[in-house]
PDB file of N, CA and C in Angstrom:
ATOM      1  N   UNK A   1      62.806 106.787 104.451  1.00  0.00           N
ATOM      2  CA  UNK A   1      62.504 107.251 106.099  1.00  0.00           C
ATOM      3  C   UNK A   1      62.312 108.630 105.861  1.00  0.00           C
ATOM      4  N   UNK A   2      63.377 109.600 105.951  1.00  0.00           N
ATOM      5  CA  UNK A   2      63.574 110.753 106.139  1.00  0.00           C
ATOM      6  C   UNK A   2      62.676 111.383 104.741  1.00  0.00           C
ATOM      7  N   UNK A   3      62.444 110.613 103.578  1.00  0.00           N
ATOM      8  CA  UNK A   3      61.809 111.366 102.881  1.00  0.00           C
ATOM      9  C   UNK A   3      60.569 111.385 102.868  1.00  0.00           C
ATOM     10  N   UNK A   4      60.129 110.040 103.509  1.00  0.00           N
ATOM     11  CA  UNK A   4      58.636 110.270 103.977  1.00  0.00           C
ATOM     12  C   UNK A   4      58.198 110.928 105.044  1.00  0.00           C
ATOM     13  N   UNK A   5      59.362 111.093 105.991  1.00  0.00           N
ATOM     14  CA  UNK A   5      58.961 112.398 106.852  1.00  0.00           C
ATOM     15  C   UNK A   5      58.599 113.882 105.791  1.00  0.00           C
ATOM     16  N   UNK A   6      59.597 114.030 105.111  1.00  0.00           N
ATOM     17  CA  UNK A   6      59.692 115.769 104.625  1.00  0.00           C
ATOM     18  C   UNK A   6      58.651 115.564 103.363  1.00  0.00           C
ATOM     19  N   UNK A   7      58.079 114.599 102.878  1.00  0.00           N
ATOM     20  CA  UNK A   7      57.127 114.589 101.833  1.00  0.00           C
ATOM     21  C   UNK A   7      57.159 115.267 100.534  1.00  0.00           C
ATOM     22  N   UNK A   8      56.579 116.371 100.249  1.00  0.00           N
ATOM     23  CA  UNK A   8      56.600 116.966  99.274  1.00  0.00           C
ATOM     24  C   UNK A   8      58.120 118.458  99.564  1.00  0.00           C
ATOM     25  N   UNK A   9      58.458 118.647 100.463  1.00  0.00           N
ATOM     26  CA  UNK A   9      59.479 119.535 100.645  1.00  0.00           C
ATOM     27  C   UNK A   9      60.881 118.506 100.188  1.00  0.00           C
ATOM     28  N   UNK A  10      61.203 118.415  98.914  1.00  0.00           N
ATOM     29  CA  UNK A  10      62.322 117.812  98.644  1.00  0.00           C
ATOM     30  C   UNK A  10      63.690 118.895  98.976  1.00  0.00           C
ATOM     31  N   UNK A  11      63.027 120.554  98.484  1.00  0.00           N
ATOM     32  CA  UNK A  11      63.958 121.507  98.483  1.00  0.00           C
ATOM     33  C   UNK A  11      64.905 121.898  99.927  1.00  0.00           C
ATOM     34  N   UNK A  12      64.132 121.488 100.902  1.00  0.00           N
ATOM     35  CA  UNK A  12      63.963 121.574 102.172  1.00  0.00           C
ATOM     36  C   UNK A  12      64.911 120.315 102.379  1.00  0.00           C
ATOM     37  N   UNK A  13      64.675 118.965 102.383  1.00  0.00           N
ATOM     38  CA  UNK A  13      65.964 117.935 102.666  1.00  0.00           C
ATOM     39  C   UNK A  13      67.283 118.107 101.556  1.00  0.00           C
ATOM     40  N   UNK A  14      67.081 118.665 100.520  1.00  0.00           N
ATOM     41  CA  UNK A  14      68.102 118.873 100.103  1.00  0.00           C
ATOM     42  C   UNK A  14      69.324 119.886 100.663  1.00  0.00           C
ATOM     43  N   UNK A  15      68.787 121.035 101.604  1.00  0.00           N
ATOM     44  CA  UNK A  15      69.220 121.833 102.007  1.00  0.00           C
ATOM     45  C   UNK A  15      69.699 121.209 103.467  1.00  0.00           C
ATOM     46  N   UNK A  16      69.113 120.509 104.072  1.00  0.00           N
ATOM     47  CA  UNK A  16      69.446 119.589 105.437  1.00  0.00           C
ATOM     48  C   UNK A  16      70.830 118.740 104.647  1.00  0.00           C
ATOM     49  N   UNK A  17      70.405 118.127 103.761  1.00  0.00           N
ATOM     50  CA  UNK A  17      71.494 117.440 103.485  1.00  0.00           C
ATOM     51  C   UNK A  17      72.833 117.975 103.797  1.00  0.00           C
ATOM     52  N   UNK A  18      72.768 119.111 102.725  1.00  0.00           N
ATOM     53  CA  UNK A  18      73.622 119.530 102.175  1.00  0.00           C
ATOM     54  C   UNK A  18      74.421 120.212 103.390  1.00  0.00           C
ATOM     55  N   UNK A  19      73.695 121.133 104.313  1.00  0.00           N
ATOM     56  CA  UNK A  19      74.315 121.615 105.546  1.00  0.00           C
ATOM     57  C   UNK A  19      74.934 120.423 106.433  1.00  0.00           C
ATOM     58  N   UNK A  20      74.457 119.204 106.529  1.00  0.00           N
ATOM     59  CA  UNK A  20      74.937 118.164 107.547  1.00  0.00           C
ATOM     60  C   UNK A  20      76.329 118.083 106.716  1.00  0.00           C
ATOM     61  N   UNK A  21      76.604 117.346 105.268  1.00  0.00           N
ATOM     62  CA  UNK A  21      77.429 117.342 104.694  1.00  0.00           C
ATOM     63  C   UNK A  21      78.830 118.531 104.921  1.00  0.00           C
ATOM     64  N   UNK A  22      78.275 119.655 104.961  1.00  0.00           N
ATOM     65  CA  UNK A  22      78.867 120.650 105.208  1.00  0.00           C
ATOM     66  C   UNK A  22      79.544 120.899 106.795  1.00  0.00           C
ATOM     67  N   UNK A  23      78.835 120.289 107.530  1.00  0.00           N
ATOM     68  CA  UNK A  23      79.222 120.203 109.110  1.00  0.00           C
ATOM     69  C   UNK A  23      80.243 119.142 109.000  1.00  0.00           C
ATOM     70  N   UNK A  24      79.819 117.839 108.849  1.00  0.00           N
ATOM     71  CA  UNK A  24      80.654 116.791 108.663  1.00  0.00           C
ATOM     72  C   UNK A  24      82.057 116.924 107.925  1.00  0.00           C
ATOM     73  N   UNK A  25      82.016 117.707 106.962  1.00  0.00           N
ATOM     74  CA  UNK A  25      83.224 118.062 106.169  1.00  0.00           C
ATOM     75  C   UNK A  25      84.306 119.099 107.012  1.00  0.00           C
ATOM     76  N   UNK A  26      83.551 120.320 107.618  1.00  0.00           N
ATOM     77  CA  UNK A  26      84.420 120.788 108.405  1.00  0.00           C
ATOM     78  C   UNK A  26      84.473 120.159 109.709  1.00  0.00           C
ATOM     79  N   UNK A  27      84.572 119.231 110.123  1.00  0.00           N
ATOM     80  CA  UNK A  27      84.539 118.642 111.555  1.00  0.00           C
ATOM     81  C   UNK A  27      85.845 117.794 111.140  1.00  0.00           C
ATOM     82  N   UNK A  28      85.804 117.269 109.798  1.00  0.00           N
ATOM     83  CA  UNK A  28      86.800 116.276 109.732  1.00  0.00           C
ATOM     84  C   UNK A  28      87.865 117.078 109.427  1.00  0.00           C
ATOM     85  N   UNK A  29      88.185 118.348 108.365  1.00  0.00           N
ATOM     86  CA  UNK A  29      88.911 119.314 108.550  1.00  0.00           C
ATOM     87  C   UNK A  29      89.681 119.627 109.912  1.00  0.00           C
ATOM     88  N   UNK A  30      88.683 119.773 110.508  1.00  0.00           N
ATOM     89  CA  UNK A  30      89.187 120.501 111.998  1.00  0.00           C
ATOM     90  C   UNK A  30      89.412 119.815 112.571  1.00  0.00           C
ATOM     91  N   UNK A  31      89.509 118.450 112.376  1.00  0.00           N
ATOM     92  CA  UNK A  31      90.091 117.235 113.246  1.00  0.00           C
ATOM     93  C   UNK A  31      91.735 117.026 112.848  1.00  0.00           C
ATOM     94  N   UNK A  32      91.591 116.636 111.488  1.00  0.00           N
ATOM     95  CA  UNK A  32      93.156 116.136 110.543  1.00  0.00           C
ATOM     96  C   UNK A  32      94.119 117.619 110.581  1.00  0.00           C
ATOM     97  N   UNK A  33      93.191 118.770 110.919  1.00  0.00           N
ATOM     98  CA  UNK A  33      94.683 119.866 110.918  1.00  0.00           C
ATOM     99  C   UNK A  33      94.798 119.939 112.875  1.00  0.00           C
ATOM    100  N   UNK A  34      93.800 119.240 113.550  1.00  0.00           N
ATOM    101  CA  UNK A  34      94.504 119.347 114.781  1.00  0.00           C
ATOM    102  C   UNK A  34      95.620 118.141 114.901  1.00  0.00           C
ATOM    103  N   UNK A  35      95.346 116.910 114.521  1.00  0.00           N
ATOM    104  CA  UNK A  35      95.943 115.832 114.411  1.00  0.00           C
ATOM    105  C   UNK A  35      97.890 116.301 113.611  1.00  0.00           C
ATOM    106  N   UNK A  36      97.531 116.940 112.485  1.00  0.00           N
ATOM    107  CA  UNK A  36      99.102 117.206 111.654  1.00  0.00           C
ATOM    108  C   UNK A  36      99.527 118.694 112.626  1.00  0.00           C
ATOM    109  N   UNK A  37      98.620 119.430 113.584  1.00  0.00           N
ATOM    110  CA  UNK A  37      99.354 120.187 114.194  1.00  0.00           C
ATOM    111  C   UNK A  37     100.385 119.729 115.441  1.00  0.00           C
ATOM    112  N   UNK A  38      99.302 118.592 116.112  1.00  0.00           N
ATOM    113  CA  UNK A  38      99.911 117.703 117.045  1.00  0.00           C
ATOM    114  C   UNK A  38     101.416 116.814 116.838  1.00  0.00           C
ATOM    115  N   UNK A  39     101.418 116.192 115.349  1.00  0.00           N
ATOM    116  CA  UNK A  39     102.312 115.524 115.037  1.00  0.00           C
ATOM    117  C   UNK A  39     103.345 116.320 114.674  1.00  0.00           C
ATOM    118  N   UNK A  40     103.397 117.527 114.065  1.00  0.00           N
ATOM    119  CA  UNK A  40     104.461 118.517 113.680  1.00  0.00           C
ATOM    120  C   UNK A  40     104.523 119.088 115.107  1.00  0.00           C
ATOM    121  N   UNK A  41     104.337 119.464 116.056  1.00  0.00           N
ATOM    122  CA  UNK A  41     104.520 119.862 117.240  1.00  0.00           C
ATOM    123  C   UNK A  41     105.512 118.535 117.982  1.00  0.00           C
ATOM    124  N   UNK A  42     105.116 117.371 117.780  1.00  0.00           N
ATOM    125  CA  UNK A  42     105.883 116.348 118.405  1.00  0.00           C
ATOM    126  C   UNK A  42     107.035 116.386 117.779  1.00  0.00           C
ATOM    127  N   UNK A  43     106.801 116.522 116.740  1.00  0.00           N
ATOM    128  CA  UNK A  43     108.326 116.172 115.762  1.00  0.00           C
ATOM    129  C   UNK A  43     109.219 117.246 116.082  1.00  0.00           C
ATOM    130  N   UNK A  44     108.760 118.741 116.218  1.00  0.00           N
ATOM    131  CA  UNK A  44     109.526 119.578 116.385  1.00  0.00           C
ATOM    132  C   UNK A  44     110.394 119.379 117.982  1.00  0.00           C
ATOM    133  N   UNK A  45     109.376 118.868 118.791  1.00  0.00           N
ATOM    134  CA  UNK A  45     110.216 118.846 120.533  1.00  0.00           C
ATOM    135  C   UNK A  45     111.329 117.783 120.226  1.00  0.00           C
ATOM    136  N   UNK A  46     110.928 116.839 119.556  1.00  0.00           N
ATOM    137  CA  UNK A  46     111.735 115.218 119.604  1.00  0.00           C
ATOM    138  C   UNK A  46     113.272 115.897 118.045  1.00  0.00           C
ATOM    139  N   UNK A  47     112.900 116.495 117.604  1.00  0.00           N
ATOM    140  CA  UNK A  47     113.898 117.454 117.037  1.00  0.00           C
ATOM    141  C   UNK A  47     114.850 118.076 118.096  1.00  0.00           C
ATOM    142  N   UNK A  48     114.216 119.213 118.900  1.00  0.00           N
ATOM    143  CA  UNK A  48     114.804 119.695 119.923  1.00  0.00           C
ATOM    144  C   UNK A  48     115.555 118.977 120.682  1.00  0.00           C
ATOM    145  N   UNK A  49     115.103 117.801 121.292  1.00  0.00           N
ATOM    146  CA  UNK A  49     115.782 116.762 122.339  1.00  0.00           C
ATOM    147  C   UNK A  49     117.019 116.183 121.340  1.00  0.00           C
ATOM    148  N   UNK A  50     117.024 116.102 120.355  1.00  0.00           N
ATOM    149  CA  UNK A  50     117.884 115.427 119.378  1.00  0.00           C
ATOM    150  C   UNK A  50     119.256 116.498 119.182  1.00  0.00           C
ATOM    151  N   UNK A  51     119.045 117.589 119.273  1.00  0.00           N
ATOM    152  CA  UNK A  51     120.037 118.517 118.935  1.00  0.00           C
ATOM    153  C   UNK A  51     120.362 119.058 120.268  1.00  0.00           C
ATOM    154  N   UNK A  52     119.723 118.981 121.322  1.00  0.00           N
ATOM    155  CA  UNK A  52     119.830 119.499 122.491  1.00  0.00           C
ATOM    156  C   UNK A  52     121.256 118.323 123.078  1.00  0.00           C
ATOM    157  N   UNK A  53     120.781 116.971 122.919  1.00  0.00           N
ATOM    158  CA  UNK A  53     121.511 115.657 123.039  1.00  0.00           C
ATOM    159  C   UNK A  53     122.699 115.557 122.407  1.00  0.00           C
ATOM    160  N   UNK A  54     123.089 116.151 121.039  1.00  0.00           N
ATOM    161  CA  UNK A  54     124.300 116.268 120.053  1.00  0.00           C
ATOM    162  C   UNK A  54     124.824 117.144 120.506  1.00  0.00           C
ATOM    163  N   UNK A  55     124.723 118.751 120.618  1.00  0.00           N
ATOM    164  CA  UNK A  55     125.216 119.668 121.614  1.00  0.00           C
ATOM    165  C   UNK A  55     126.130 119.197 122.708  1.00  0.00           C
ATOM    166  N   UNK A  56     125.162 118.721 123.326  1.00  0.00           N
ATOM    167  CA  UNK A  56     125.931 118.107 124.815  1.00  0.00           C
ATOM    168  C   UNK A  56     127.032 117.003 124.454  1.00  0.00           C
ATOM    169  N   UNK A  57     126.727 116.400 123.907  1.00  0.00           N
ATOM    170  CA  UNK A  57     127.785 115.418 123.100  1.00  0.00           C
ATOM    171  C   UNK A  57     129.048 115.802 122.689  1.00  0.00           C
ATOM    172  N   UNK A  58     128.757 116.895 122.181  1.00  0.00           N
ATOM    173  CA  UNK A  58     129.825 117.697 121.628  1.00  0.00           C
ATOM    174  C   UNK A  58     130.490 118.346 122.449  1.00  0.00           C
ATOM    175  N   UNK A  59     129.667 118.925 123.581  1.00  0.00           N
ATOM    176  CA  UNK A  59     130.411 119.679 124.488  1.00  0.00           C
ATOM    177  C   UNK A  59     131.339 118.621 125.383  1.00  0.00           C
ATOM    178  N   UNK A  60     130.710 117.581 125.466  1.00  0.00           N
ATOM    179  CA  UNK A  60     131.634 116.566 126.285  1.00  0.00           C
ATOM    180  C   UNK A  60     132.643 116.515 125.792  1.00  0.00           C
ATOM    181  N   UNK A  61     132.778 115.651 124.519  1.00  0.00           N
ATOM    182  CA  UNK A  61     133.376 115.637 123.874  1.00  0.00           C
ATOM    183  C   UNK A  61     134.801 116.357 123.748  1.00  0.00           C
ATOM    184  N   UNK A  62     134.329 117.404 123.296  1.00  0.00           N
ATOM    185  CA  UNK A  62     135.511 118.727 123.315  1.00  0.00           C
ATOM    186  C   UNK A  62     136.161 119.269 124.886  1.00  0.00           C
ATOM    187  N   UNK A  63     135.385 118.914 125.646  1.00  0.00           N
ATOM    188  CA  UNK A  63     136.120 119.192 127.040  1.00  0.00           C
ATOM    189  C   UNK A  63     136.790 117.757 126.940  1.00  0.00           C
ATOM    190  N   UNK A  64     136.551 116.578 126.760  1.00  0.00           N
ATOM    191  CA  UNK A  64     137.685 115.739 126.872  1.00  0.00           C
ATOM    192  C   UNK A  64     138.798 115.701 126.346  1.00  0.00           C
ATOM    193  N   UNK A  65     138.929 116.507 124.877  1.00  0.00           N
ATOM    194  CA  UNK A  65     139.788 116.362 124.321  1.00  0.00           C
ATOM    195  C   UNK A  65     140.756 117.579 124.883  1.00  0.00           C
ATOM    196  N   UNK A  66     140.173 118.548 125.154  1.00  0.00           N
ATOM    197  CA  UNK A  66     141.015 119.705 125.622  1.00  0.00           C
ATOM    198  C   UNK A  66     141.506 119.214 127.136  1.00  0.00           C
ATOM    199  N   UNK A  67     140.857 118.199 127.872  1.00  0.00           N
ATOM    200  CA  UNK A  67     141.994 117.843 128.762  1.00  0.00           C
ATOM    201  C   UNK A  67     143.322 117.061 128.785  1.00  0.00           C
ATOM    202  N   UNK A  68     142.720 115.726 127.693  1.00  0.00           N
ATOM    203  CA  UNK A  68     143.857 115.543 127.095  1.00  0.00           C
ATOM    204  C   UNK A  68     144.892 116.144 126.850  1.00  0.00           C
ATOM    205  N   UNK A  69     144.634 116.988 125.907  1.00  0.00           N
ATOM    206  CA  UNK A  69     145.646 117.963 125.047  1.00  0.00           C
ATOM    207  C   UNK A  69     145.864 118.747 126.477  1.00  0.00           C
ATOM    208  N   UNK A  70     145.660 119.165 127.484  1.00  0.00           N
ATOM    209  CA  UNK A  70     146.221 119.522 128.697  1.00  0.00           C
ATOM    210  C   UNK A  70     146.992 118.674 129.166  1.00  0.00           C
ATOM    211  N   UNK A  71     147.007 117.923 129.234  1.00  0.00           N
ATOM    212  CA  UNK A  71     147.541 116.491 130.019  1.00  0.00           C
ATOM    213  C   UNK A  71     148.742 116.327 129.122  1.00  0.00           C
ATOM    214  N   UNK A  72     148.825 116.149 127.947  1.00  0.00           N
ATOM    215  CA  UNK A  72     149.801 115.815 127.224  1.00  0.00           C
ATOM    216  C   UNK A  72     150.948 117.081 127.249  1.00  0.00           C
ATOM    217  N   UNK A  73     150.628 118.366 127.333  1.00  0.00           N
ATOM    218  CA  UNK A  73     151.050 119.159 127.104  1.00  0.00           C
ATOM    219  C   UNK A  73     151.835 119.857 128.358  1.00  0.00           C
ATOM    220  N   UNK A  74     151.471 119.208 129.608  1.00  0.00           N
ATOM    221  CA  UNK A  74     152.032 119.369 130.978  1.00  0.00           C
ATOM    222  C   UNK A  74     153.075 118.178 130.974  1.00  0.00           C
ATOM    223  N   UNK A  75     152.462 116.729 130.344  1.00  0.00           N
ATOM    224  CA  UNK A  75     153.662 116.106 130.688  1.00  0.00           C
ATOM    225  C   UNK A  75     154.814 116.396 129.874  1.00  0.00           C
ATOM    226  N   UNK A  76     154.819 117.119 128.579  1.00  0.00           N
ATOM    227  CA  UNK A  76     155.801 117.540 127.727  1.00  0.00           C
ATOM    228  C   UNK A  76     156.878 118.499 128.393  1.00  0.00           C
ATOM    229  N   UNK A  77     156.029 119.640 129.053  1.00  0.00           N
ATOM    230  CA  UNK A  77     156.634 120.753 129.573  1.00  0.00           C
ATOM    231  C   UNK A  77     157.291 120.147 130.983  1.00  0.00           C
ATOM    232  N   UNK A  78     157.124 119.215 131.371  1.00  0.00           N
ATOM    233  CA  UNK A  78     157.574 118.452 132.609  1.00  0.00           C
ATOM    234  C   UNK A  78     158.886 117.702 131.985  1.00  0.00           C
ATOM    235  N   UNK A  79     158.792 116.850 130.915  1.00  0.00           N
ATOM    236  CA  UNK A  79     159.476 116.195 130.793  1.00  0.00           C
ATOM    237  C   UNK A  79     160.937 117.222 130.262  1.00  0.00           C
TER     238      UNK A  79
END
């Protein structure tokens, strides 16, 4: 159908098809890059949340260990 519309202007048809293909490729590349960026940002946020959770747990464990050691020292000193 397109060939019938363009008739003898095959060169113009080739130019239009090439431009359309380039536009589609650029749009696909942009969408893929956006998806990759979103995935990378989500992974970074997830890793940050995990790191913060681990640091908080380590702080809590260290606090508990220090409290237990203080109690042991107090009990030993009192006795």
